[in-house]
PDB file of N, CA and C in Angstrom:
ATOM      1  N   MET A   1      88.483 140.425 -98.404  1.00  0.00           N
ATOM      2  CA  MET A   1      88.100 141.141 -97.230  1.00  0.00           C
ATOM      3  C   MET A   1      87.464 140.173 -96.235  1.00  0.00           C
ATOM      4  N   ALA A   2      87.912 140.205 -95.005  1.00  0.00           N
ATOM      5  CA  ALA A   2      87.416 139.311 -93.963  1.00  0.00           C
ATOM      6  C   ALA A   2      86.124 139.863 -93.370  1.00  0.00           C
ATOM      7  N   ILE A   3      85.200 138.975 -93.082  1.00  0.00           N
ATOM      8  CA  ILE A   3      83.941 139.372 -92.459  1.00  0.00           C
ATOM      9  C   ILE A   3      84.112 139.249 -90.949  1.00  0.00           C
ATOM     10  N   SER A   4      83.754 140.294 -90.244  1.00  0.00           N
ATOM     11  CA  SER A   4      83.896 140.261 -88.790  1.00  0.00           C
ATOM     12  C   SER A   4      82.854 139.314 -88.195  1.00  0.00           C
ATOM     13  N   ARG A   5      83.158 138.845 -87.012  1.00  0.00           N
ATOM     14  CA  ARG A   5      82.240 137.938 -86.320  1.00  0.00           C
ATOM     15  C   ARG A   5      80.900 138.640 -86.065  1.00  0.00           C
ATOM     16  N   ARG A   6      80.945 139.908 -85.705  1.00  0.00           N
ATOM     17  CA  ARG A   6      79.731 140.670 -85.435  1.00  0.00           C
ATOM     18  C   ARG A   6      78.858 140.755 -86.688  1.00  0.00           C
ATOM     19  N   ALA A   7      79.462 141.031 -87.840  1.00  0.00           N
ATOM     20  CA  ALA A   7      78.702 141.126 -89.090  1.00  0.00           C
ATOM     21  C   ALA A   7      78.092 139.785 -89.455  1.00  0.00           C
ATOM     22  N   MET A   8      78.846 138.705 -89.220  1.00  0.00           N
ATOM     23  CA  MET A   8      78.337 137.376 -89.537  1.00  0.00           C
ATOM     24  C   MET A   8      77.145 137.036 -88.638  1.00  0.00           C
ATOM     25  N   LEU A   9      77.234 137.343 -87.341  1.00  0.00           N
ATOM     26  CA  LEU A   9      76.126 137.076 -86.425  1.00  0.00           C
ATOM     27  C   LEU A   9      74.903 137.910 -86.784  1.00  0.00           C
ATOM     28  N   ALA A  10      75.115 139.161 -87.134  1.00  0.00           N
ATOM     29  CA  ALA A  10      74.006 140.042 -87.502  1.00  0.00           C
ATOM     30  C   ALA A  10      73.296 139.538 -88.752  1.00  0.00           C
ATOM     31  N   SER A  11      74.062 139.100 -89.736  1.00  0.00           N
ATOM     32  CA  SER A  11      73.429 138.622 -90.967  1.00  0.00           C
ATOM     33  C   SER A  11      72.709 137.305 -90.740  1.00  0.00           C
ATOM     34  N   SER A  12      73.239 136.414 -89.915  1.00  0.00           N
ATOM     35  CA  SER A  12      72.556 135.149 -89.668  1.00  0.00           C
ATOM     36  C   SER A  12      71.298 135.377 -88.843  1.00  0.00           C
ATOM     37  N   ALA A  13      71.331 136.336 -87.913  1.00  0.00           N
ATOM     38  CA  ALA A  13      70.137 136.651 -87.132  1.00  0.00           C
ATOM     39  C   ALA A  13      69.053 137.237 -88.033  1.00  0.00           C
ATOM     40  N   THR A  14      69.437 138.057 -88.981  1.00  0.00           N
ATOM     41  CA  THR A  14      68.485 138.645 -89.916  1.00  0.00           C
ATOM     42  C   THR A  14      67.831 137.566 -90.765  1.00  0.00           C
ATOM     43  N   LEU A  15      68.564 136.566 -91.136  1.00  0.00           N
ATOM     44  CA  LEU A  15      68.005 135.488 -91.946  1.00  0.00           C
ATOM     45  C   LEU A  15      67.007 134.645 -91.165  1.00  0.00           C
ATOM     46  N   MET A  16      67.171 134.581 -89.838  1.00  0.00           N
ATOM     47  CA  MET A  16      66.287 133.753 -89.017  1.00  0.00           C
ATOM     48  C   MET A  16      64.990 134.461 -88.653  1.00  0.00           C
ATOM     49  N   VAL A  17      64.927 135.761 -88.739  1.00  0.00           N
ATOM     50  CA  VAL A  17      63.749 136.507 -88.305  1.00  0.00           C
ATOM     51  C   VAL A  17      62.467 136.066 -89.008  1.00  0.00           C
ATOM     52  N   PRO A  18      62.434 135.912 -90.339  1.00  0.00           N
ATOM     53  CA  PRO A  18      61.175 135.507 -90.962  1.00  0.00           C
ATOM     54  C   PRO A  18      60.657 134.168 -90.451  1.00  0.00           C
ATOM     55  N   ALA A  19      61.530 133.219 -90.178  1.00  0.00           N
ATOM     56  CA  ALA A  19      61.083 131.920 -89.682  1.00  0.00           C
ATOM     57  C   ALA A  19      60.481 132.061 -88.294  1.00  0.00           C
ATOM     58  N   VAL A  20      61.080 132.865 -87.447  1.00  0.00           N
ATOM     59  CA  VAL A  20      60.566 133.063 -86.102  1.00  0.00           C
ATOM     60  C   VAL A  20      59.243 133.816 -86.145  1.00  0.00           C
ATOM     61  N   ALA A  21      59.152 134.823 -86.996  1.00  0.00           N
ATOM     62  CA  ALA A  21      57.943 135.638 -87.068  1.00  0.00           C
ATOM     63  C   ALA A  21      56.745 134.836 -87.556  1.00  0.00           C
ATOM     64  N   HIS A  22      56.964 133.810 -88.357  1.00  0.00           N
ATOM     65  CA  HIS A  22      55.862 133.029 -88.893  1.00  0.00           C
ATOM     66  C   HIS A  22      55.546 131.804 -88.047  1.00  0.00           C
ATOM     67  N   ALA A  23      56.353 131.542 -87.031  1.00  0.00           N
ATOM     68  CA  ALA A  23      56.096 130.388 -86.179  1.00  0.00           C
ATOM     69  C   ALA A  23      54.799 130.617 -85.401  1.00  0.00           C
ATOM     70  N   ALA A  24      54.082 129.537 -85.148  1.00  0.00           N
ATOM     71  CA  ALA A  24      52.840 129.641 -84.398  1.00  0.00           C
ATOM     72  C   ALA A  24      53.151 130.067 -82.968  1.00  0.00           C
ATOM     73  N   ALA A  25      52.443 131.079 -82.497  1.00  0.00           N
ATOM     74  CA  ALA A  25      52.658 131.572 -81.142  1.00  0.00           C
ATOM     75  C   ALA A  25      52.072 130.576 -80.146  1.00  0.00           C
ATOM     76  N   ALA A  26      52.855 130.270 -79.131  1.00  0.00           N
ATOM     77  CA  ALA A  26      52.380 129.367 -78.083  1.00  0.00           C
ATOM     78  C   ALA A  26      51.440 130.130 -77.152  1.00  0.00           C
ATOM     79  N   ASP A  27      50.503 129.407 -76.561  1.00  0.00           N
ATOM     80  CA  ASP A  27      49.609 130.031 -75.592  1.00  0.00           C
ATOM     81  C   ASP A  27      50.398 130.512 -74.381  1.00  0.00           C
ATOM     82  N   VAL A  28      49.933 131.573 -73.780  1.00  0.00           N
ATOM     83  CA  VAL A  28      50.441 132.021 -72.488  1.00  0.00           C
ATOM     84  C   VAL A  28      49.469 131.450 -71.460  1.00  0.00           C
ATOM     85  N   VAL A  29      49.958 130.508 -70.677  1.00  0.00           N
ATOM     86  CA  VAL A  29      49.094 129.792 -69.742  1.00  0.00           C
ATOM     87  C   VAL A  29      49.132 130.487 -68.385  1.00  0.00           C
ATOM     88  N   ILE A  30      47.952 130.854 -67.915  1.00  0.00           N
ATOM     89  CA  ILE A  30      47.804 131.526 -66.627  1.00  0.00           C
ATOM     90  C   ILE A  30      47.197 130.537 -65.646  1.00  0.00           C
ATOM     91  N   GLY A  31      47.955 130.203 -64.624  1.00  0.00           N
ATOM     92  CA  GLY A  31      47.443 129.330 -63.578  1.00  0.00           C
ATOM     93  C   GLY A  31      46.692 130.153 -62.550  1.00  0.00           C
ATOM     94  N   ALA A  32      45.532 129.677 -62.152  1.00  0.00           N
ATOM     95  CA  ALA A  32      44.710 130.401 -61.181  1.00  0.00           C
ATOM     96  C   ALA A  32      44.374 129.483 -60.006  1.00  0.00           C
ATOM     97  N   PRO A  33      45.382 129.226 -59.134  1.00  0.00           N
ATOM     98  CA  PRO A  33      45.090 128.411 -57.952  1.00  0.00           C
ATOM     99  C   PRO A  33      44.375 129.261 -56.909  1.00  0.00           C
ATOM    100  N   ASN A  34      43.099 129.053 -56.748  1.00  0.00           N
ATOM    101  CA  ASN A  34      42.283 129.842 -55.830  1.00  0.00           C
ATOM    102  C   ASN A  34      41.302 128.946 -55.104  1.00  0.00           C
ATOM    103  N   SER A  35      40.805 129.436 -53.964  1.00  0.00           N
ATOM    104  CA  SER A  35      39.752 128.733 -53.246  1.00  0.00           C
ATOM    105  C   SER A  35      38.485 128.828 -54.080  1.00  0.00           C
ATOM    106  N   LEU A  36      38.041 127.702 -54.599  1.00  0.00           N
ATOM    107  CA  LEU A  36      36.815 127.684 -55.399  1.00  0.00           C
ATOM    108  C   LEU A  36      35.665 127.053 -54.616  1.00  0.00           C
ATOM    109  N   THR A  37      35.990 126.410 -53.506  1.00  0.00           N
ATOM    110  CA  THR A  37      35.003 125.777 -52.633  1.00  0.00           C
ATOM    111  C   THR A  37      35.250 126.250 -51.206  1.00  0.00           C
ATOM    112  N   GLY A  38      34.295 126.024 -50.356  1.00  0.00           N
ATOM    113  CA  GLY A  38      34.452 126.387 -48.953  1.00  0.00           C
ATOM    114  C   GLY A  38      34.098 127.843 -48.698  1.00  0.00           C
ATOM    115  N   GLY A  39      34.495 128.311 -47.533  1.00  0.00           N
ATOM    116  CA  GLY A  39      34.126 129.646 -47.076  1.00  0.00           C
ATOM    117  C   GLY A  39      34.622 130.782 -47.946  1.00  0.00           C
ATOM    118  N   PHE A  40      35.765 130.610 -48.592  1.00  0.00           N
ATOM    119  CA  PHE A  40      36.296 131.664 -49.458  1.00  0.00           C
ATOM    120  C   PHE A  40      36.061 131.375 -50.937  1.00  0.00           C
ATOM    121  N   GLY A  41      35.249 130.381 -51.223  1.00  0.00           N
ATOM    122  CA  GLY A  41      35.011 129.960 -52.601  1.00  0.00           C
ATOM    123  C   GLY A  41      34.424 131.029 -53.500  1.00  0.00           C
ATOM    124  N   GLU A  42      33.523 131.827 -52.972  1.00  0.00           N
ATOM    125  CA  GLU A  42      32.891 132.865 -53.807  1.00  0.00           C
ATOM    126  C   GLU A  42      33.934 133.852 -54.311  1.00  0.00           C
ATOM    127  N   GLY A  43      34.828 134.284 -53.442  1.00  0.00           N
ATOM    128  CA  GLY A  43      35.883 135.213 -53.852  1.00  0.00           C
ATOM    129  C   GLY A  43      36.806 134.599 -54.891  1.00  0.00           C
ATOM    130  N   GLY A  44      37.160 133.338 -54.699  1.00  0.00           N
ATOM    131  CA  GLY A  44      38.028 132.653 -55.658  1.00  0.00           C
ATOM    132  C   GLY A  44      37.370 132.499 -57.018  1.00  0.00           C
ATOM    133  N   ARG A  45      36.080 132.176 -57.007  1.00  0.00           N
ATOM    134  CA  ARG A  45      35.352 132.044 -58.272  1.00  0.00           C
ATOM    135  C   ARG A  45      35.273 133.384 -59.006  1.00  0.00           C
ATOM    136  N   GLN A  46      35.152 134.479 -58.251  1.00  0.00           N
ATOM    137  CA  GLN A  46      35.139 135.802 -58.872  1.00  0.00           C
ATOM    138  C   GLN A  46      36.495 136.144 -59.482  1.00  0.00           C
ATOM    139  N   VAL A  47      37.574 135.772 -58.805  1.00  0.00           N
ATOM    140  CA  VAL A  47      38.918 135.998 -59.348  1.00  0.00           C
ATOM    141  C   VAL A  47      39.069 135.257 -60.673  1.00  0.00           C
ATOM    142  N   VAL A  48      38.685 133.993 -60.700  1.00  0.00           N
ATOM    143  CA  VAL A  48      38.801 133.182 -61.923  1.00  0.00           C
ATOM    144  C   VAL A  48      37.920 133.751 -63.031  1.00  0.00           C
ATOM    145  N   ALA A  49      36.697 134.147 -62.695  1.00  0.00           N
ATOM    146  CA  ALA A  49      35.804 134.720 -63.712  1.00  0.00           C
ATOM    147  C   ALA A  49      36.405 135.994 -64.299  1.00  0.00           C
ATOM    148  N   GLY A  50      37.013 136.832 -63.460  1.00  0.00           N
ATOM    149  CA  GLY A  50      37.651 138.047 -63.955  1.00  0.00           C
ATOM    150  C   GLY A  50      38.823 137.737 -64.872  1.00  0.00           C
ATOM    151  N   LEU A  51      39.638 136.745 -64.496  1.00  0.00           N
ATOM    152  CA  LEU A  51      40.757 136.344 -65.351  1.00  0.00           C
ATOM    153  C   LEU A  51      40.267 135.823 -66.700  1.00  0.00           C
ATOM    154  N   GLN A  52      39.225 135.008 -66.670  1.00  0.00           N
ATOM    155  CA  GLN A  52      38.699 134.445 -67.920  1.00  0.00           C
ATOM    156  C   GLN A  52      38.110 135.533 -68.808  1.00  0.00           C
ATOM    157  N   LEU A  53      37.440 136.496 -68.215  1.00  0.00           N
ATOM    158  CA  LEU A  53      36.887 137.612 -68.981  1.00  0.00           C
ATOM    159  C   LEU A  53      38.000 138.431 -69.632  1.00  0.00           C
ATOM    160  N   ALA A  54      39.035 138.747 -68.855  1.00  0.00           N
ATOM    161  CA  ALA A  54      40.158 139.524 -69.391  1.00  0.00           C
ATOM    162  C   ALA A  54      40.869 138.754 -70.503  1.00  0.00           C
ATOM    163  N   ALA A  55      41.075 137.454 -70.304  1.00  0.00           N
ATOM    164  CA  ALA A  55      41.732 136.634 -71.326  1.00  0.00           C
ATOM    165  C   ALA A  55      40.896 136.602 -72.603  1.00  0.00           C
ATOM    166  N   ALA A  56      39.589 136.485 -72.463  1.00  0.00           N
ATOM    167  CA  ALA A  56      38.715 136.464 -73.644  1.00  0.00           C
ATOM    168  C   ALA A  56      38.803 137.781 -74.411  1.00  0.00           C
ATOM    169  N   GLN A  57      38.875 138.894 -73.696  1.00  0.00           N
ATOM    170  CA  GLN A  57      38.974 140.194 -74.360  1.00  0.00           C
ATOM    171  C   GLN A  57      40.305 140.336 -75.090  1.00  0.00           C
ATOM    172  N   VAL A  58      41.394 139.918 -74.454  1.00  0.00           N
ATOM    173  CA  VAL A  58      42.715 139.988 -75.101  1.00  0.00           C
ATOM    174  C   VAL A  58      42.733 139.087 -76.327  1.00  0.00           C
ATOM    175  N   ASN A  59      42.216 137.878 -76.192  1.00  0.00           N
ATOM    176  CA  ASN A  59      42.207 136.940 -77.315  1.00  0.00           C
ATOM    177  C   ASN A  59      41.345 137.438 -78.470  1.00  0.00           C
ATOM    178  N   ALA A  60      40.206 138.047 -78.152  1.00  0.00           N
ATOM    179  CA  ALA A  60      39.320 138.572 -79.197  1.00  0.00           C
ATOM    180  C   ALA A  60      39.962 139.733 -79.954  1.00  0.00           C
ATOM    181  N   ALA A  61      40.881 140.428 -79.278  1.00  0.00           N
ATOM    182  CA  ALA A  61      41.571 141.562 -79.913  1.00  0.00           C
ATOM    183  C   ALA A  61      42.833 141.118 -80.658  1.00  0.00           C
ATOM    184  N   GLY A  62      43.017 139.814 -80.803  1.00  0.00           N
ATOM    185  CA  GLY A  62      44.163 139.312 -81.561  1.00  0.00           C
ATOM    186  C   GLY A  62      45.286 138.733 -80.728  1.00  0.00           C
ATOM    187  N   GLY A  63      45.082 138.608 -79.434  1.00  0.00           N
ATOM    188  CA  GLY A  63      46.104 138.034 -78.579  1.00  0.00           C
ATOM    189  C   GLY A  63      47.179 139.047 -78.232  1.00  0.00           C
ATOM    190  N   ILE A  64      48.293 138.550 -77.770  1.00  0.00           N
ATOM    191  CA  ILE A  64      49.403 139.417 -77.383  1.00  0.00           C
ATOM    192  C   ILE A  64      50.270 139.645 -78.611  1.00  0.00           C
ATOM    193  N   LYS A  65      50.155 140.812 -79.169  1.00  0.00           N
ATOM    194  CA  LYS A  65      50.825 141.103 -80.438  1.00  0.00           C
ATOM    195  C   LYS A  65      52.344 140.998 -80.344  1.00  0.00           C
ATOM    196  N   SER A  66      52.932 141.423 -79.216  1.00  0.00           N
ATOM    197  CA  SER A  66      54.392 141.355 -79.071  1.00  0.00           C
ATOM    198  C   SER A  66      54.890 139.912 -78.987  1.00  0.00           C
ATOM    199  N   LEU A  67      53.980 138.966 -78.780  1.00  0.00           N
ATOM    200  CA  LEU A  67      54.330 137.544 -78.770  1.00  0.00           C
ATOM    201  C   LEU A  67      53.753 136.837 -79.993  1.00  0.00           C
ATOM    202  N   GLY A  68      53.574 137.564 -81.066  1.00  0.00           N
ATOM    203  CA  GLY A  68      53.092 136.967 -82.307  1.00  0.00           C
ATOM    204  C   GLY A  68      51.629 136.568 -82.281  1.00  0.00           C
ATOM    205  N   GLY A  69      50.821 137.243 -81.453  1.00  0.00           N
ATOM    206  CA  GLY A  69      49.399 136.919 -81.376  1.00  0.00           C
ATOM    207  C   GLY A  69      49.085 135.784 -80.420  1.00  0.00           C
ATOM    208  N   ALA A  70      49.989 135.498 -79.496  1.00  0.00           N
ATOM    209  CA  ALA A  70      49.773 134.416 -78.535  1.00  0.00           C
ATOM    210  C   ALA A  70      48.462 134.636 -77.789  1.00  0.00           C
ATOM    211  N   LYS A  71      47.741 133.563 -77.586  1.00  0.00           N
ATOM    212  CA  LYS A  71      46.469 133.616 -76.874  1.00  0.00           C
ATOM    213  C   LYS A  71      46.684 133.320 -75.397  1.00  0.00           C
ATOM    214  N   LEU A  72      45.844 133.911 -74.561  1.00  0.00           N
ATOM    215  CA  LEU A  72      45.870 133.641 -73.131  1.00  0.00           C
ATOM    216  C   LEU A  72      44.957 132.466 -72.828  1.00  0.00           C
ATOM    217  N   ARG A  73      45.423 131.582 -71.968  1.00  0.00           N
ATOM    218  CA  ARG A  73      44.613 130.432 -71.549  1.00  0.00           C
ATOM    219  C   ARG A  73      44.664 130.350 -70.032  1.00  0.00           C
ATOM    220  N   VAL A  74      43.505 130.397 -69.383  1.00  0.00           N
ATOM    221  CA  VAL A  74      43.412 130.360 -67.928  1.00  0.00           C
ATOM    222  C   VAL A  74      43.091 128.937 -67.481  1.00  0.00           C
ATOM    223  N   ILE A  75      43.897 128.447 -66.536  1.00  0.00           N
ATOM    224  CA  ILE A  75      43.651 127.128 -65.949  1.00  0.00           C
ATOM    225  C   ILE A  75      43.342 127.328 -64.469  1.00  0.00           C
ATOM    226  N   PRO A  76      42.066 127.222 -64.075  1.00  0.00           N
ATOM    227  CA  PRO A  76      41.734 127.358 -62.659  1.00  0.00           C
ATOM    228  C   PRO A  76      41.990 126.050 -61.910  1.00  0.00           C
ATOM    229  N   ALA A  77      42.274 126.164 -60.624  1.00  0.00           N
ATOM    230  CA  ALA A  77      42.443 124.990 -59.783  1.00  0.00           C
ATOM    231  C   ALA A  77      41.987 125.340 -58.371  1.00  0.00           C
ATOM    232  N   ASP A  78      41.307 124.417 -57.732  1.00  0.00           N
ATOM    233  CA  ASP A  78      40.753 124.642 -56.398  1.00  0.00           C
ATOM    234  C   ASP A  78      41.803 124.348 -55.324  1.00  0.00           C
ATOM    235  N   THR A  79      42.100 125.356 -54.511  1.00  0.00           N
ATOM    236  CA  THR A  79      43.013 125.164 -53.388  1.00  0.00           C
ATOM    237  C   THR A  79      42.233 124.888 -52.108  1.00  0.00           C
ATOM    238  N   SER A  80      40.935 124.867 -52.172  1.00  0.00           N
ATOM    239  CA  SER A  80      39.997 124.784 -51.053  1.00  0.00           C
ATOM    240  C   SER A  80      40.140 126.026 -50.189  1.00  0.00           C
ATOM    241  N   SER A  81      39.388 126.102 -49.131  1.00  0.00           N
ATOM    242  CA  SER A  81      39.442 127.271 -48.258  1.00  0.00           C
ATOM    243  C   SER A  81      40.129 126.980 -46.934  1.00  0.00           C
ATOM    244  N   ASP A  82      40.410 125.712 -46.671  1.00  0.00           N
ATOM    245  CA  ASP A  82      40.873 125.376 -45.322  1.00  0.00           C
ATOM    246  C   ASP A  82      42.092 124.456 -45.268  1.00  0.00           C
ATOM    247  N   ASN A  83      42.759 124.223 -46.401  1.00  0.00           N
ATOM    248  CA  ASN A  83      43.884 123.298 -46.401  1.00  0.00           C
ATOM    249  C   ASN A  83      45.089 123.911 -47.111  1.00  0.00           C
ATOM    250  N   PRO A  84      45.954 124.621 -46.372  1.00  0.00           N
ATOM    251  CA  PRO A  84      47.123 125.246 -46.999  1.00  0.00           C
ATOM    252  C   PRO A  84      48.025 124.248 -47.730  1.00  0.00           C
ATOM    253  N   ALA A  85      48.115 123.039 -47.235  1.00  0.00           N
ATOM    254  CA  ALA A  85      48.957 122.035 -47.911  1.00  0.00           C
ATOM    255  C   ALA A  85      48.425 121.741 -49.308  1.00  0.00           C
ATOM    256  N   GLN A  86      47.112 121.768 -49.474  1.00  0.00           N
ATOM    257  CA  GLN A  86      46.524 121.544 -50.797  1.00  0.00           C
ATOM    258  C   GLN A  86      46.907 122.672 -51.740  1.00  0.00           C
ATOM    259  N   ALA A  87      46.942 123.898 -51.244  1.00  0.00           N
ATOM    260  CA  ALA A  87      47.346 125.039 -52.081  1.00  0.00           C
ATOM    261  C   ALA A  87      48.765 124.840 -52.591  1.00  0.00           C
ATOM    262  N   ALA A  88      49.648 124.343 -51.731  1.00  0.00           N
ATOM    263  CA  ALA A  88      51.034 124.101 -52.132  1.00  0.00           C
ATOM    264  C   ALA A  88      51.117 123.010 -53.190  1.00  0.00           C
ATOM    265  N   SER A  89      50.392 121.922 -53.014  1.00  0.00           N
ATOM    266  CA  SER A  89      50.474 120.821 -53.989  1.00  0.00           C
ATOM    267  C   SER A  89      49.827 121.210 -55.319  1.00  0.00           C
ATOM    268  N   VAL A  90      48.733 121.956 -55.267  1.00  0.00           N
ATOM    269  CA  VAL A  90      48.082 122.416 -56.500  1.00  0.00           C
ATOM    270  C   VAL A  90      49.021 123.344 -57.268  1.00  0.00           C
ATOM    271  N   THR A  91      49.677 124.240 -56.557  1.00  0.00           N
ATOM    272  CA  THR A  91      50.604 125.177 -57.196  1.00  0.00           C
ATOM    273  C   THR A  91      51.786 124.440 -57.811  1.00  0.00           C
ATOM    274  N   ARG A  92      52.350 123.476 -57.087  1.00  0.00           N
ATOM    275  CA  ARG A  92      53.453 122.664 -57.627  1.00  0.00           C
ATOM    276  C   ARG A  92      53.034 121.954 -58.906  1.00  0.00           C
ATOM    277  N   ARG A  93      51.828 121.371 -58.896  1.00  0.00           N
ATOM    278  CA  ARG A  93      51.335 120.651 -60.072  1.00  0.00           C
ATOM    279  C   ARG A  93      51.169 121.589 -61.260  1.00  0.00           C
ATOM    280  N   MET A  94      50.642 122.774 -61.015  1.00  0.00           N
ATOM    281  CA  MET A  94      50.432 123.724 -62.106  1.00  0.00           C
ATOM    282  C   MET A  94      51.768 124.128 -62.747  1.00  0.00           C
ATOM    283  N   ILE A  95      52.787 124.269 -61.927  1.00  0.00           N
ATOM    284  CA  ILE A  95      54.104 124.644 -62.448  1.00  0.00           C
ATOM    285  C   ILE A  95      54.743 123.478 -63.193  1.00  0.00           C
ATOM    286  N   SER A  96      54.729 122.290 -62.591  1.00  0.00           N
ATOM    287  CA  SER A  96      55.454 121.161 -63.182  1.00  0.00           C
ATOM    288  C   SER A  96      54.700 120.454 -64.302  1.00  0.00           C
ATOM    289  N   GLU A  97      53.385 120.345 -64.203  1.00  0.00           N
ATOM    290  CA  GLU A  97      52.626 119.590 -65.204  1.00  0.00           C
ATOM    291  C   GLU A  97      51.908 120.476 -66.219  1.00  0.00           C
ATOM    292  N   ASP A  98      51.328 121.573 -65.753  1.00  0.00           N
ATOM    293  CA  ASP A  98      50.579 122.455 -66.655  1.00  0.00           C
ATOM    294  C   ASP A  98      51.479 123.483 -67.324  1.00  0.00           C
ATOM    295  N   HIS A  99      52.706 123.632 -66.816  1.00  0.00           N
ATOM    296  CA  HIS A  99      53.698 124.566 -67.371  1.00  0.00           C
ATOM    297  C   HIS A  99      53.138 125.974 -67.506  1.00  0.00           C
ATOM    298  N   VAL A 100      52.540 126.457 -66.410  1.00  0.00           N
ATOM    299  CA  VAL A 100      51.969 127.801 -66.435  1.00  0.00           C
ATOM    300  C   VAL A 100      53.072 128.844 -66.586  1.00  0.00           C
ATOM    301  N   SER A 101      52.743 129.924 -67.260  1.00  0.00           N
ATOM    302  CA  SER A 101      53.675 131.034 -67.438  1.00  0.00           C
ATOM    303  C   SER A 101      53.621 131.990 -66.270  1.00  0.00           C
ATOM    304  N   VAL A 102      52.451 132.093 -65.650  1.00  0.00           N
ATOM    305  CA  VAL A 102      52.234 133.017 -64.538  1.00  0.00           C
ATOM    306  C   VAL A 102      51.158 132.418 -63.637  1.00  0.00           C
ATOM    307  N   LEU A 103      51.241 132.749 -62.349  1.00  0.00           N
ATOM    308  CA  LEU A 103      50.233 132.313 -61.383  1.00  0.00           C
ATOM    309  C   LEU A 103      49.509 133.536 -60.839  1.00  0.00           C
ATOM    310  N   VAL A 104      48.180 133.447 -60.747  1.00  0.00           N
ATOM    311  CA  VAL A 104      47.383 134.504 -60.138  1.00  0.00           C
ATOM    312  C   VAL A 104      46.559 133.851 -59.044  1.00  0.00           C
ATOM    313  N   GLY A 105      46.962 134.032 -57.809  1.00  0.00           N
ATOM    314  CA  GLY A 105      46.293 133.426 -56.659  1.00  0.00           C
ATOM    315  C   GLY A 105      47.351 132.877 -55.734  1.00  0.00           C
ATOM    316  N   ALA A 106      47.011 132.280 -54.727  1.00  0.00           N
ATOM    317  CA  ALA A 106      45.677 132.162 -54.175  1.00  0.00           C
ATOM    318  C   ALA A 106      45.304 133.473 -53.489  1.00  0.00           C
ATOM    319  N   HIS A 107      44.036 133.753 -53.437  1.00  0.00           N
ATOM    320  CA  HIS A 107      43.628 135.072 -52.970  1.00  0.00           C
ATOM    321  C   HIS A 107      43.506 135.170 -51.453  1.00  0.00           C
ATOM    322  N   THR A 108      43.705 134.085 -50.726  1.00  0.00           N
ATOM    323  CA  THR A 108      43.730 134.162 -49.262  1.00  0.00           C
ATOM    324  C   THR A 108      45.173 134.017 -48.784  1.00  0.00           C
ATOM    325  N   SER A 109      45.524 134.760 -47.746  1.00  0.00           N
ATOM    326  CA  SER A 109      46.923 134.833 -47.324  1.00  0.00           C
ATOM    327  C   SER A 109      47.487 133.498 -46.868  1.00  0.00           C
ATOM    328  N   THR A 110      46.713 132.676 -46.182  1.00  0.00           N
ATOM    329  CA  THR A 110      47.254 131.390 -45.721  1.00  0.00           C
ATOM    330  C   THR A 110      47.587 130.481 -46.904  1.00  0.00           C
ATOM    331  N   MET A 111      46.776 130.509 -47.934  1.00  0.00           N
ATOM    332  CA  MET A 111      47.031 129.681 -49.108  1.00  0.00           C
ATOM    333  C   MET A 111      48.232 130.220 -49.890  1.00  0.00           C
ATOM    334  N   THR A 112      48.312 131.535 -50.006  1.00  0.00           N
ATOM    335  CA  THR A 112      49.432 132.148 -50.736  1.00  0.00           C
ATOM    336  C   THR A 112      50.749 131.874 -50.019  1.00  0.00           C
ATOM    337  N   LEU A 113      50.773 132.007 -48.720  1.00  0.00           N
ATOM    338  CA  LEU A 113      51.991 131.750 -47.952  1.00  0.00           C
ATOM    339  C   LEU A 113      52.442 130.306 -48.118  1.00  0.00           C
ATOM    340  N   SER A 114      51.518 129.389 -48.032  1.00  0.00           N
ATOM    341  CA  SER A 114      51.850 127.984 -48.198  1.00  0.00           C
ATOM    342  C   SER A 114      52.402 127.693 -49.585  1.00  0.00           C
ATOM    343  N   ALA A 115      51.797 128.280 -50.607  1.00  0.00           N
ATOM    344  CA  ALA A 115      52.243 128.052 -51.975  1.00  0.00           C
ATOM    345  C   ALA A 115      53.606 128.672 -52.217  1.00  0.00           C
ATOM    346  N   GLN A 116      53.901 129.803 -51.581  1.00  0.00           N
ATOM    347  CA  GLN A 116      55.201 130.459 -51.749  1.00  0.00           C
ATOM    348  C   GLN A 116      56.324 129.644 -51.145  1.00  0.00           C
ATOM    349  N   ILE A 117      56.092 129.042 -50.012  1.00  0.00           N
ATOM    350  CA  ILE A 117      57.127 128.286 -49.318  1.00  0.00           C
ATOM    351  C   ILE A 117      57.537 127.082 -50.145  1.00  0.00           C
ATOM    352  N   GLU A 118      56.602 126.503 -50.834  1.00  0.00           N
ATOM    353  CA  GLU A 118      56.902 125.334 -51.656  1.00  0.00           C
ATOM    354  C   GLU A 118      57.751 125.766 -52.798  1.00  0.00           C
TER     355      GLU A 118
END
């Protein structure tokens, strides 16, 4: 009796599940490019503090269960309050070097617009 391709794929996928389920979950890295200095610094620092608090609560509860208990890690970065070009370069760096999974910020429209264009 010949085994269909679908049955063969299903059985091989079933064999791989235990190895995947036991693999160490990678961190979910949250980039927080926000104004931490200057005129809008207080608001940016509050955004980062809120993200860190939420991440700590999720991590204390066992992480993200659907991702095998992956922990959240927040990486803040200062975009300043008055230099949109800095927001763009900080955002680029977070994506290319820090390999963030998600970005939260910048909380001022000029910084966000600059980072989006890049």
